[in-house]
């Protein structure tokens, strides 16, 4: 996992001081500096480039995942209503490895046609199927179930109890994976909302601190502003550290991702970043440290 920041809290010390001509020059351009400060942070939420879109992306993925879970549930119900023809001398139950061999006989494939129709009318009929998957029935069944069951569903001869049970079991697994992912998405949506509130609060506080030009402020006022900026910096660093820890420990959802890195890359692929909270938080932290430097420069000229 990339570390998005590694800065210590800046100190007001002699390294920041200016003297002589430099201090005079700084005093002369303080008005320009404050204008630059306003340009950097003076627009409400200007630094939150990714979070608003991230929340929309997360909600859209939640709706899609919920639709897919319902579709697999309907498919299970459709398959349950289809009659199965027992094999003449096969066992009542079979393992996944014997599903294909349970089907050696020739016979009427009406049941399989019904299963394929049910799959197309449920799973493959979700509103985003073509955009998200765009796959043939064979490929999608292979991905969602397994190659053996997919081969039998698309090329088999009849629906045996073993095949029917295998299809139902795998469809239930596909539905359950999506329901698990819904939990992940709900937690992510809540985390995004918490981050949004925190970052907007920092942004509004930063804007409030920027209401008066630096040269018009007393030393005590500048010192108070410095400490407020340090508090904002600590809040942002805590938020970023907590978010990184969450990303490291979240793991994969079991849907199609090996780990959290793959999951976040998938979820936020419509954005230009995989970690929108870190991206916006880091940008805002840069604004805070820029403001700190300018306040420190004004303080050093008053000392």
Protein backbone atom coordinates (compact mmCIF):
# COMPACT_ATOMS: atom_id res chain seq x y z
CA UNK A 1 0.00 0.00 0.00
CA UNK A 2 1.37 3.41 -0.95
CA UNK A 3 1.94 5.78 1.94
CA UNK A 4 0.22 8.96 0.89
CA UNK A 5 1.91 11.24 3.36
CA UNK A 6 4.89 11.20 5.69
CA UNK A 7 5.28 14.68 7.11
CA UNK A 8 5.87 15.81 10.66
CA UNK A 9 3.88 18.60 12.23
CA UNK A 10 5.69 21.82 11.21
CA UNK A 11 7.21 23.83 14.05
CA UNK A 12 7.42 27.59 14.31
CA UNK A 13 11.18 28.00 14.79
CA UNK A 14 14.16 30.04 13.65
CA UNK A 15 14.35 28.26 10.31
CA UNK A 16 11.14 30.04 9.35
CA UNK A 17 12.33 33.49 10.40
CA UNK A 18 13.13 36.28 7.99
CA UNK A 19 15.34 39.27 8.70
CA UNK A 20 16.46 42.52 7.13
CA UNK A 21 15.61 43.03 3.48
CA UNK A 22 13.91 39.64 3.28
CA UNK A 23 11.52 40.56 6.12
CA UNK A 24 10.77 43.94 4.58
CA UNK A 25 10.07 42.29 1.27
CA UNK A 26 7.81 39.75 2.97
CA UNK A 27 5.85 42.50 4.67
CA UNK A 28 5.44 44.29 1.36
CA UNK A 29 4.03 41.24 -0.38
CA UNK A 30 1.91 39.88 2.47
CA UNK A 31 -1.21 41.12 0.68
CA UNK A 32 -0.17 39.18 -2.41
CA UNK A 33 0.47 36.10 -0.29
CA UNK A 34 -2.93 36.24 1.29
CA UNK A 35 -4.47 36.56 -2.15
CA UNK A 36 -2.57 33.44 -3.15
CA UNK A 37 -3.85 31.75 0.00
CA UNK A 38 -7.41 32.71 -0.94
CA UNK A 39 -6.81 31.39 -4.45
CA UNK A 40 -5.67 28.06 -3.04
CA UNK A 41 -8.44 27.41 -0.54
CA UNK A 42 -11.05 30.13 -0.75
CA UNK A 43 -13.60 28.19 -2.77
CA UNK A 44 -15.92 26.02 -0.71
CA UNK A 45 -14.99 22.35 -1.16
CA UNK A 46 -12.51 23.21 -3.90
CA UNK A 47 -10.13 20.60 -2.54
CA UNK A 48 -12.72 17.79 -2.53
CA UNK A 49 -12.25 16.70 -6.10
CA UNK A 50 -12.90 12.97 -5.72
CA UNK A 51 -15.14 12.32 -2.71
CA UNK A 52 -18.42 13.57 -4.23
CA UNK A 53 -17.95 11.33 -7.27
CA UNK A 54 -16.70 8.45 -5.11
CA UNK A 55 -19.94 8.50 -3.12
CA UNK A 56 -21.96 8.36 -6.34
CA UNK A 57 -19.83 5.49 -7.67
CA UNK A 58 -20.24 3.55 -4.43
CA UNK A 59 -24.01 4.03 -4.46
CA UNK A 60 -24.24 2.98 -8.12
CA UNK A 61 -22.23 -0.17 -7.39
CA UNK A 62 -24.48 -0.93 -4.43
CA UNK A 63 -27.57 -0.68 -6.63
CA UNK A 64 -26.02 -2.91 -9.27
CA UNK A 65 -24.90 -5.51 -6.75
CA UNK A 66 -28.31 -5.55 -5.11
CA UNK A 67 -29.96 -6.05 -8.51
CA UNK A 68 -27.63 -8.96 -9.28
CA UNK A 69 -28.32 -10.59 -5.90
CA UNK A 70 -32.05 -10.40 -6.55
CA UNK A 71 -31.55 -11.79 -10.06
CA UNK A 72 -29.69 -14.86 -8.78
CA UNK A 73 -32.43 -15.33 -6.18
CA UNK A 74 -35.06 -15.34 -8.92
CA UNK A 75 -32.96 -17.75 -10.97
CA UNK A 76 -32.81 -20.17 -8.03
CA UNK A 77 -36.60 -20.03 -7.79
CA UNK A 78 -37.00 -20.71 -11.51
CA UNK A 79 -34.62 -23.69 -11.44
CA UNK A 80 -36.37 -25.15 -8.41
CA UNK A 81 -39.58 -25.44 -10.45
CA UNK A 82 -37.96 -27.38 -13.29
CA UNK A 83 -38.47 -31.15 -13.31
CA UNK A 84 -35.33 -33.26 -13.08
CA UNK A 85 -34.95 -36.69 -14.70
CA UNK A 86 -33.09 -39.17 -12.48
CA UNK A 87 -30.24 -41.07 -14.08
CA UNK A 88 -31.13 -44.79 -14.49
CA UNK A 89 -28.47 -46.09 -12.14
CA UNK A 90 -26.85 -43.00 -10.67
CA UNK A 91 -26.83 -41.95 -7.03
CA UNK A 92 -29.38 -39.51 -5.71
CA UNK A 93 -26.58 -37.07 -4.90
CA UNK A 94 -23.30 -36.38 -6.64
CA UNK A 95 -20.25 -34.31 -5.96
CA UNK A 96 -19.23 -31.44 -8.21
CA UNK A 97 -16.66 -33.69 -9.85
CA UNK A 98 -19.30 -36.19 -11.02
CA UNK A 99 -21.92 -33.77 -12.32
CA UNK A 100 -20.88 -34.17 -15.95
CA UNK A 101 -20.72 -37.97 -15.84
CA UNK A 102 -24.23 -38.07 -14.38
CA UNK A 103 -25.43 -36.96 -17.76
CA UNK A 104 -24.09 -39.41 -20.28
CA UNK A 105 -27.47 -40.50 -21.64
CA UNK A 106 -29.22 -38.95 -24.56
CA UNK A 107 -32.55 -37.40 -23.72
CA UNK A 108 -34.91 -34.47 -23.96
CA UNK A 109 -33.07 -31.23 -23.15
CA UNK A 110 -36.29 -29.25 -22.52
CA UNK A 111 -35.28 -28.77 -18.89
CA UNK A 112 -31.89 -27.40 -19.91
CA UNK A 113 -33.52 -25.04 -22.36
CA UNK A 114 -35.69 -23.80 -19.51
CA UNK A 115 -32.61 -23.29 -17.33
CA UNK A 116 -30.83 -21.35 -20.05
CA UNK A 117 -33.94 -19.24 -20.62
CA UNK A 118 -34.26 -18.60 -16.89
CA UNK A 119 -30.61 -17.51 -16.69
CA UNK A 120 -31.05 -15.10 -19.61
CA UNK A 121 -34.28 -13.69 -18.15
CA UNK A 122 -32.85 -13.15 -14.68
CA UNK A 123 -29.07 -12.88 -14.35
CA UNK A 124 -28.41 -11.67 -17.89
CA UNK A 125 -31.35 -9.26 -17.80
CA UNK A 126 -30.04 -6.93 -15.12
CA UNK A 127 -30.03 -3.36 -16.40
CA UNK A 128 -26.24 -3.04 -16.53
CA UNK A 129 -25.37 -6.50 -17.90
CA UNK A 130 -24.18 -5.40 -21.34
CA UNK A 131 -22.17 -2.49 -19.93
CA UNK A 132 -20.63 -4.43 -17.03
CA UNK A 133 -20.21 -7.91 -18.52
CA UNK A 134 -21.26 -8.16 -22.15
CA UNK A 135 -20.58 -11.92 -22.06
CA UNK A 136 -22.24 -14.92 -23.65
CA UNK A 137 -24.27 -17.23 -21.44
CA UNK A 138 -21.54 -19.88 -21.58
CA UNK A 139 -18.80 -17.49 -20.47
CA UNK A 140 -20.87 -15.93 -17.71
CA UNK A 141 -22.05 -19.27 -16.31
CA UNK A 142 -18.43 -20.46 -16.39
CA UNK A 143 -17.32 -17.41 -14.42
CA UNK A 144 -20.16 -17.54 -11.91
CA UNK A 145 -20.41 -21.32 -11.43
CA UNK A 146 -17.55 -23.44 -12.82
CA UNK A 147 -16.46 -24.82 -16.21
CA UNK A 148 -17.92 -28.29 -15.61
CA UNK A 149 -21.41 -27.11 -14.72
CA UNK A 150 -21.28 -24.53 -17.52
CA UNK A 151 -20.43 -27.26 -20.03
CA UNK A 152 -23.38 -29.37 -18.92
CA UNK A 153 -25.80 -26.43 -18.87
CA UNK A 154 -24.88 -25.36 -22.40
CA UNK A 155 -24.23 -28.76 -24.01
CA UNK A 156 -25.90 -31.37 -21.80
CA UNK A 157 -28.82 -33.66 -22.58
CA UNK A 158 -31.14 -33.55 -19.60
CA UNK A 159 -31.61 -32.10 -16.13
CA UNK A 160 -30.74 -34.69 -13.53
CA UNK A 161 -31.29 -34.14 -9.79
CA UNK A 162 -27.51 -33.92 -9.41
CA UNK A 163 -27.21 -31.16 -12.00
CA UNK A 164 -30.20 -29.30 -10.63
CA UNK A 165 -28.73 -29.37 -7.12
CA UNK A 166 -25.33 -28.24 -8.42
CA UNK A 167 -26.85 -25.31 -10.32
CA UNK A 168 -28.96 -24.23 -7.35
CA UNK A 169 -25.99 -24.47 -4.96
CA UNK A 170 -23.74 -22.39 -7.20
CA UNK A 171 -26.44 -19.81 -7.86
CA UNK A 172 -26.99 -19.45 -4.11
CA UNK A 173 -23.22 -19.00 -3.68
CA UNK A 174 -23.25 -16.27 -6.36
CA UNK A 175 -26.13 -14.53 -4.60
CA UNK A 176 -24.42 -14.81 -1.19
CA UNK A 177 -21.17 -13.34 -2.55
CA UNK A 178 -23.08 -10.31 -3.71
CA UNK A 179 -24.88 -9.96 -0.41
CA UNK A 180 -21.50 -10.06 1.33
CA UNK A 181 -20.25 -7.37 -1.03
CA UNK A 182 -23.31 -5.26 -0.20
CA UNK A 183 -22.08 -5.23 3.39
CA UNK A 184 -18.65 -4.04 2.22
CA UNK A 185 -20.26 -1.31 0.11
CA UNK A 186 -22.48 -0.16 2.98
CA UNK A 187 -19.46 0.19 5.25
CA UNK A 188 -17.55 2.02 2.52
CA UNK A 189 -20.45 4.41 1.93
CA UNK A 190 -20.55 5.17 5.66
CA UNK A 191 -16.77 5.74 5.71
CA UNK A 192 -17.02 8.09 2.73
CA UNK A 193 -19.75 10.08 4.43
CA UNK A 194 -17.69 10.38 7.63
CA UNK A 195 -14.67 11.49 5.60
CA UNK A 196 -16.74 14.02 3.69
CA UNK A 197 -18.03 15.62 6.89
CA UNK A 198 -14.54 15.73 8.42
CA UNK A 199 -12.87 17.19 5.32
CA UNK A 200 -15.64 19.74 4.75
CA UNK A 201 -15.30 20.84 8.38
CA UNK A 202 -11.55 21.33 7.96
CA UNK A 203 -12.11 23.13 4.66
CA UNK A 204 -14.69 25.51 6.14
CA UNK A 205 -12.46 26.21 9.15
CA UNK A 206 -9.55 26.94 6.81
CA UNK A 207 -11.73 29.31 4.82
CA UNK A 208 -12.84 31.07 8.01
CA UNK A 209 -9.21 31.53 9.07
CA UNK A 210 -8.59 33.16 5.70
CA UNK A 211 -11.19 35.93 6.12
CA UNK A 212 -8.73 38.72 7.07
CA UNK A 213 -5.43 39.65 5.34
CA UNK A 214 -2.38 38.62 7.34
CA UNK A 215 -0.87 42.17 7.60
CA UNK A 216 -4.05 43.37 9.34
CA UNK A 217 -3.71 40.87 12.18
CA UNK A 218 -2.01 41.30 15.51
CA UNK A 219 0.80 39.04 16.65
CA UNK A 220 -1.53 37.29 19.10
CA UNK A 221 -4.10 36.76 16.35
CA UNK A 222 -1.45 35.30 14.04
CA UNK A 223 -0.21 33.02 16.81
CA UNK A 224 -3.75 31.80 17.49
CA UNK A 225 -4.21 31.16 13.76
CA UNK A 226 -0.95 29.19 13.72
CA UNK A 227 -2.16 26.91 16.52
CA UNK A 228 -5.53 26.42 14.81
CA UNK A 229 -3.75 25.42 11.62
CA UNK A 230 -1.63 22.93 13.57
CA UNK A 231 -4.83 21.45 15.00
CA UNK A 232 -6.25 21.09 11.48
CA UNK A 233 -3.04 19.39 10.40
CA UNK A 234 -3.26 16.87 13.25
CA UNK A 235 -6.89 16.13 12.43
CA UNK A 236 -6.05 15.49 8.79
CA UNK A 237 -3.06 13.30 9.58
CA UNK A 238 -5.20 11.23 11.95
CA UNK A 239 -7.90 10.86 9.29
CA UNK A 240 -5.36 9.80 6.66
CA UNK A 241 -3.67 7.33 8.99
CA UNK A 242 -7.01 5.80 9.99
CA UNK A 243 -8.07 5.50 6.36
CA UNK A 244 -4.82 3.79 5.37
CA UNK A 245 -5.21 1.33 8.22
CA UNK A 246 -8.76 0.59 7.05
CA UNK A 247 -7.53 -0.04 3.52
CA UNK A 248 -4.82 -2.41 4.74
CA UNK A 249 -7.13 -4.42 6.98
CA UNK A 250 -10.31 -4.57 4.91
CA UNK A 251 -9.29 -7.59 2.78
CA UNK A 252 -11.22 -8.82 -0.27
CA UNK A 253 -14.97 -9.16 -0.35
CA UNK A 254 -15.04 -12.69 -1.75
CA UNK A 255 -16.94 -11.53 -4.82
CA UNK A 256 -14.17 -11.31 -7.39
CA UNK A 257 -11.25 -9.72 -5.59
CA UNK A 258 -8.16 -11.32 -4.13
CA UNK A 259 -7.52 -8.41 -1.75
CA UNK A 260 -8.58 -4.88 -0.87
CA UNK A 261 -6.22 -3.31 -3.42
CA UNK A 262 -7.98 -5.13 -6.26
CA UNK A 263 -11.38 -4.31 -4.78
CA UNK A 264 -10.76 -0.57 -4.51
CA UNK A 265 -9.18 -0.49 -7.98
CA UNK A 266 -12.37 -2.09 -9.33
CA UNK A 267 -14.78 0.05 -7.32
CA UNK A 268 -13.18 3.39 -8.20
CA UNK A 269 -12.17 2.66 -11.77
CA UNK A 270 -14.46 5.49 -13.04
CA UNK A 271 -12.21 7.90 -11.10
CA UNK A 272 -8.60 8.78 -11.81
CA UNK A 273 -7.57 7.57 -8.33
CA UNK A 274 -8.14 4.34 -6.41
CA UNK A 275 -8.20 6.01 -2.99
CA UNK A 276 -10.38 9.15 -3.14
CA UNK A 277 -10.36 9.85 0.62
CA UNK A 278 -6.54 9.80 0.68
CA UNK A 279 -6.33 11.90 -2.47
CA UNK A 280 -8.66 14.64 -1.21
CA UNK A 281 -7.29 14.50 2.33
CA UNK A 282 -3.73 14.89 1.10
CA UNK A 283 -4.65 17.84 -1.11
CA UNK A 284 -6.33 19.56 1.84
CA UNK A 285 -3.34 18.83 4.05
CA UNK A 286 -1.12 20.56 1.51
CA UNK A 287 -3.37 23.64 1.70
CA UNK A 288 -3.08 23.64 5.49
CA UNK A 289 0.74 23.41 5.44
CA UNK A 290 0.89 26.19 2.82
CA UNK A 291 -1.19 28.39 5.13
CA UNK A 292 1.08 27.47 8.06
CA UNK A 293 4.17 28.60 6.16
CA UNK A 294 2.62 31.95 5.34
CA UNK A 295 1.42 32.59 8.88
CA UNK A 296 4.85 31.56 10.22
CA UNK A 297 6.51 34.01 7.85
CA UNK A 298 4.30 36.83 9.12
CA UNK A 299 4.98 35.84 12.73
CA UNK A 300 8.75 35.83 12.19
CA UNK A 301 8.58 39.36 10.81
CA UNK A 302 6.69 40.57 13.90
CA UNK A 303 9.01 38.91 16.42
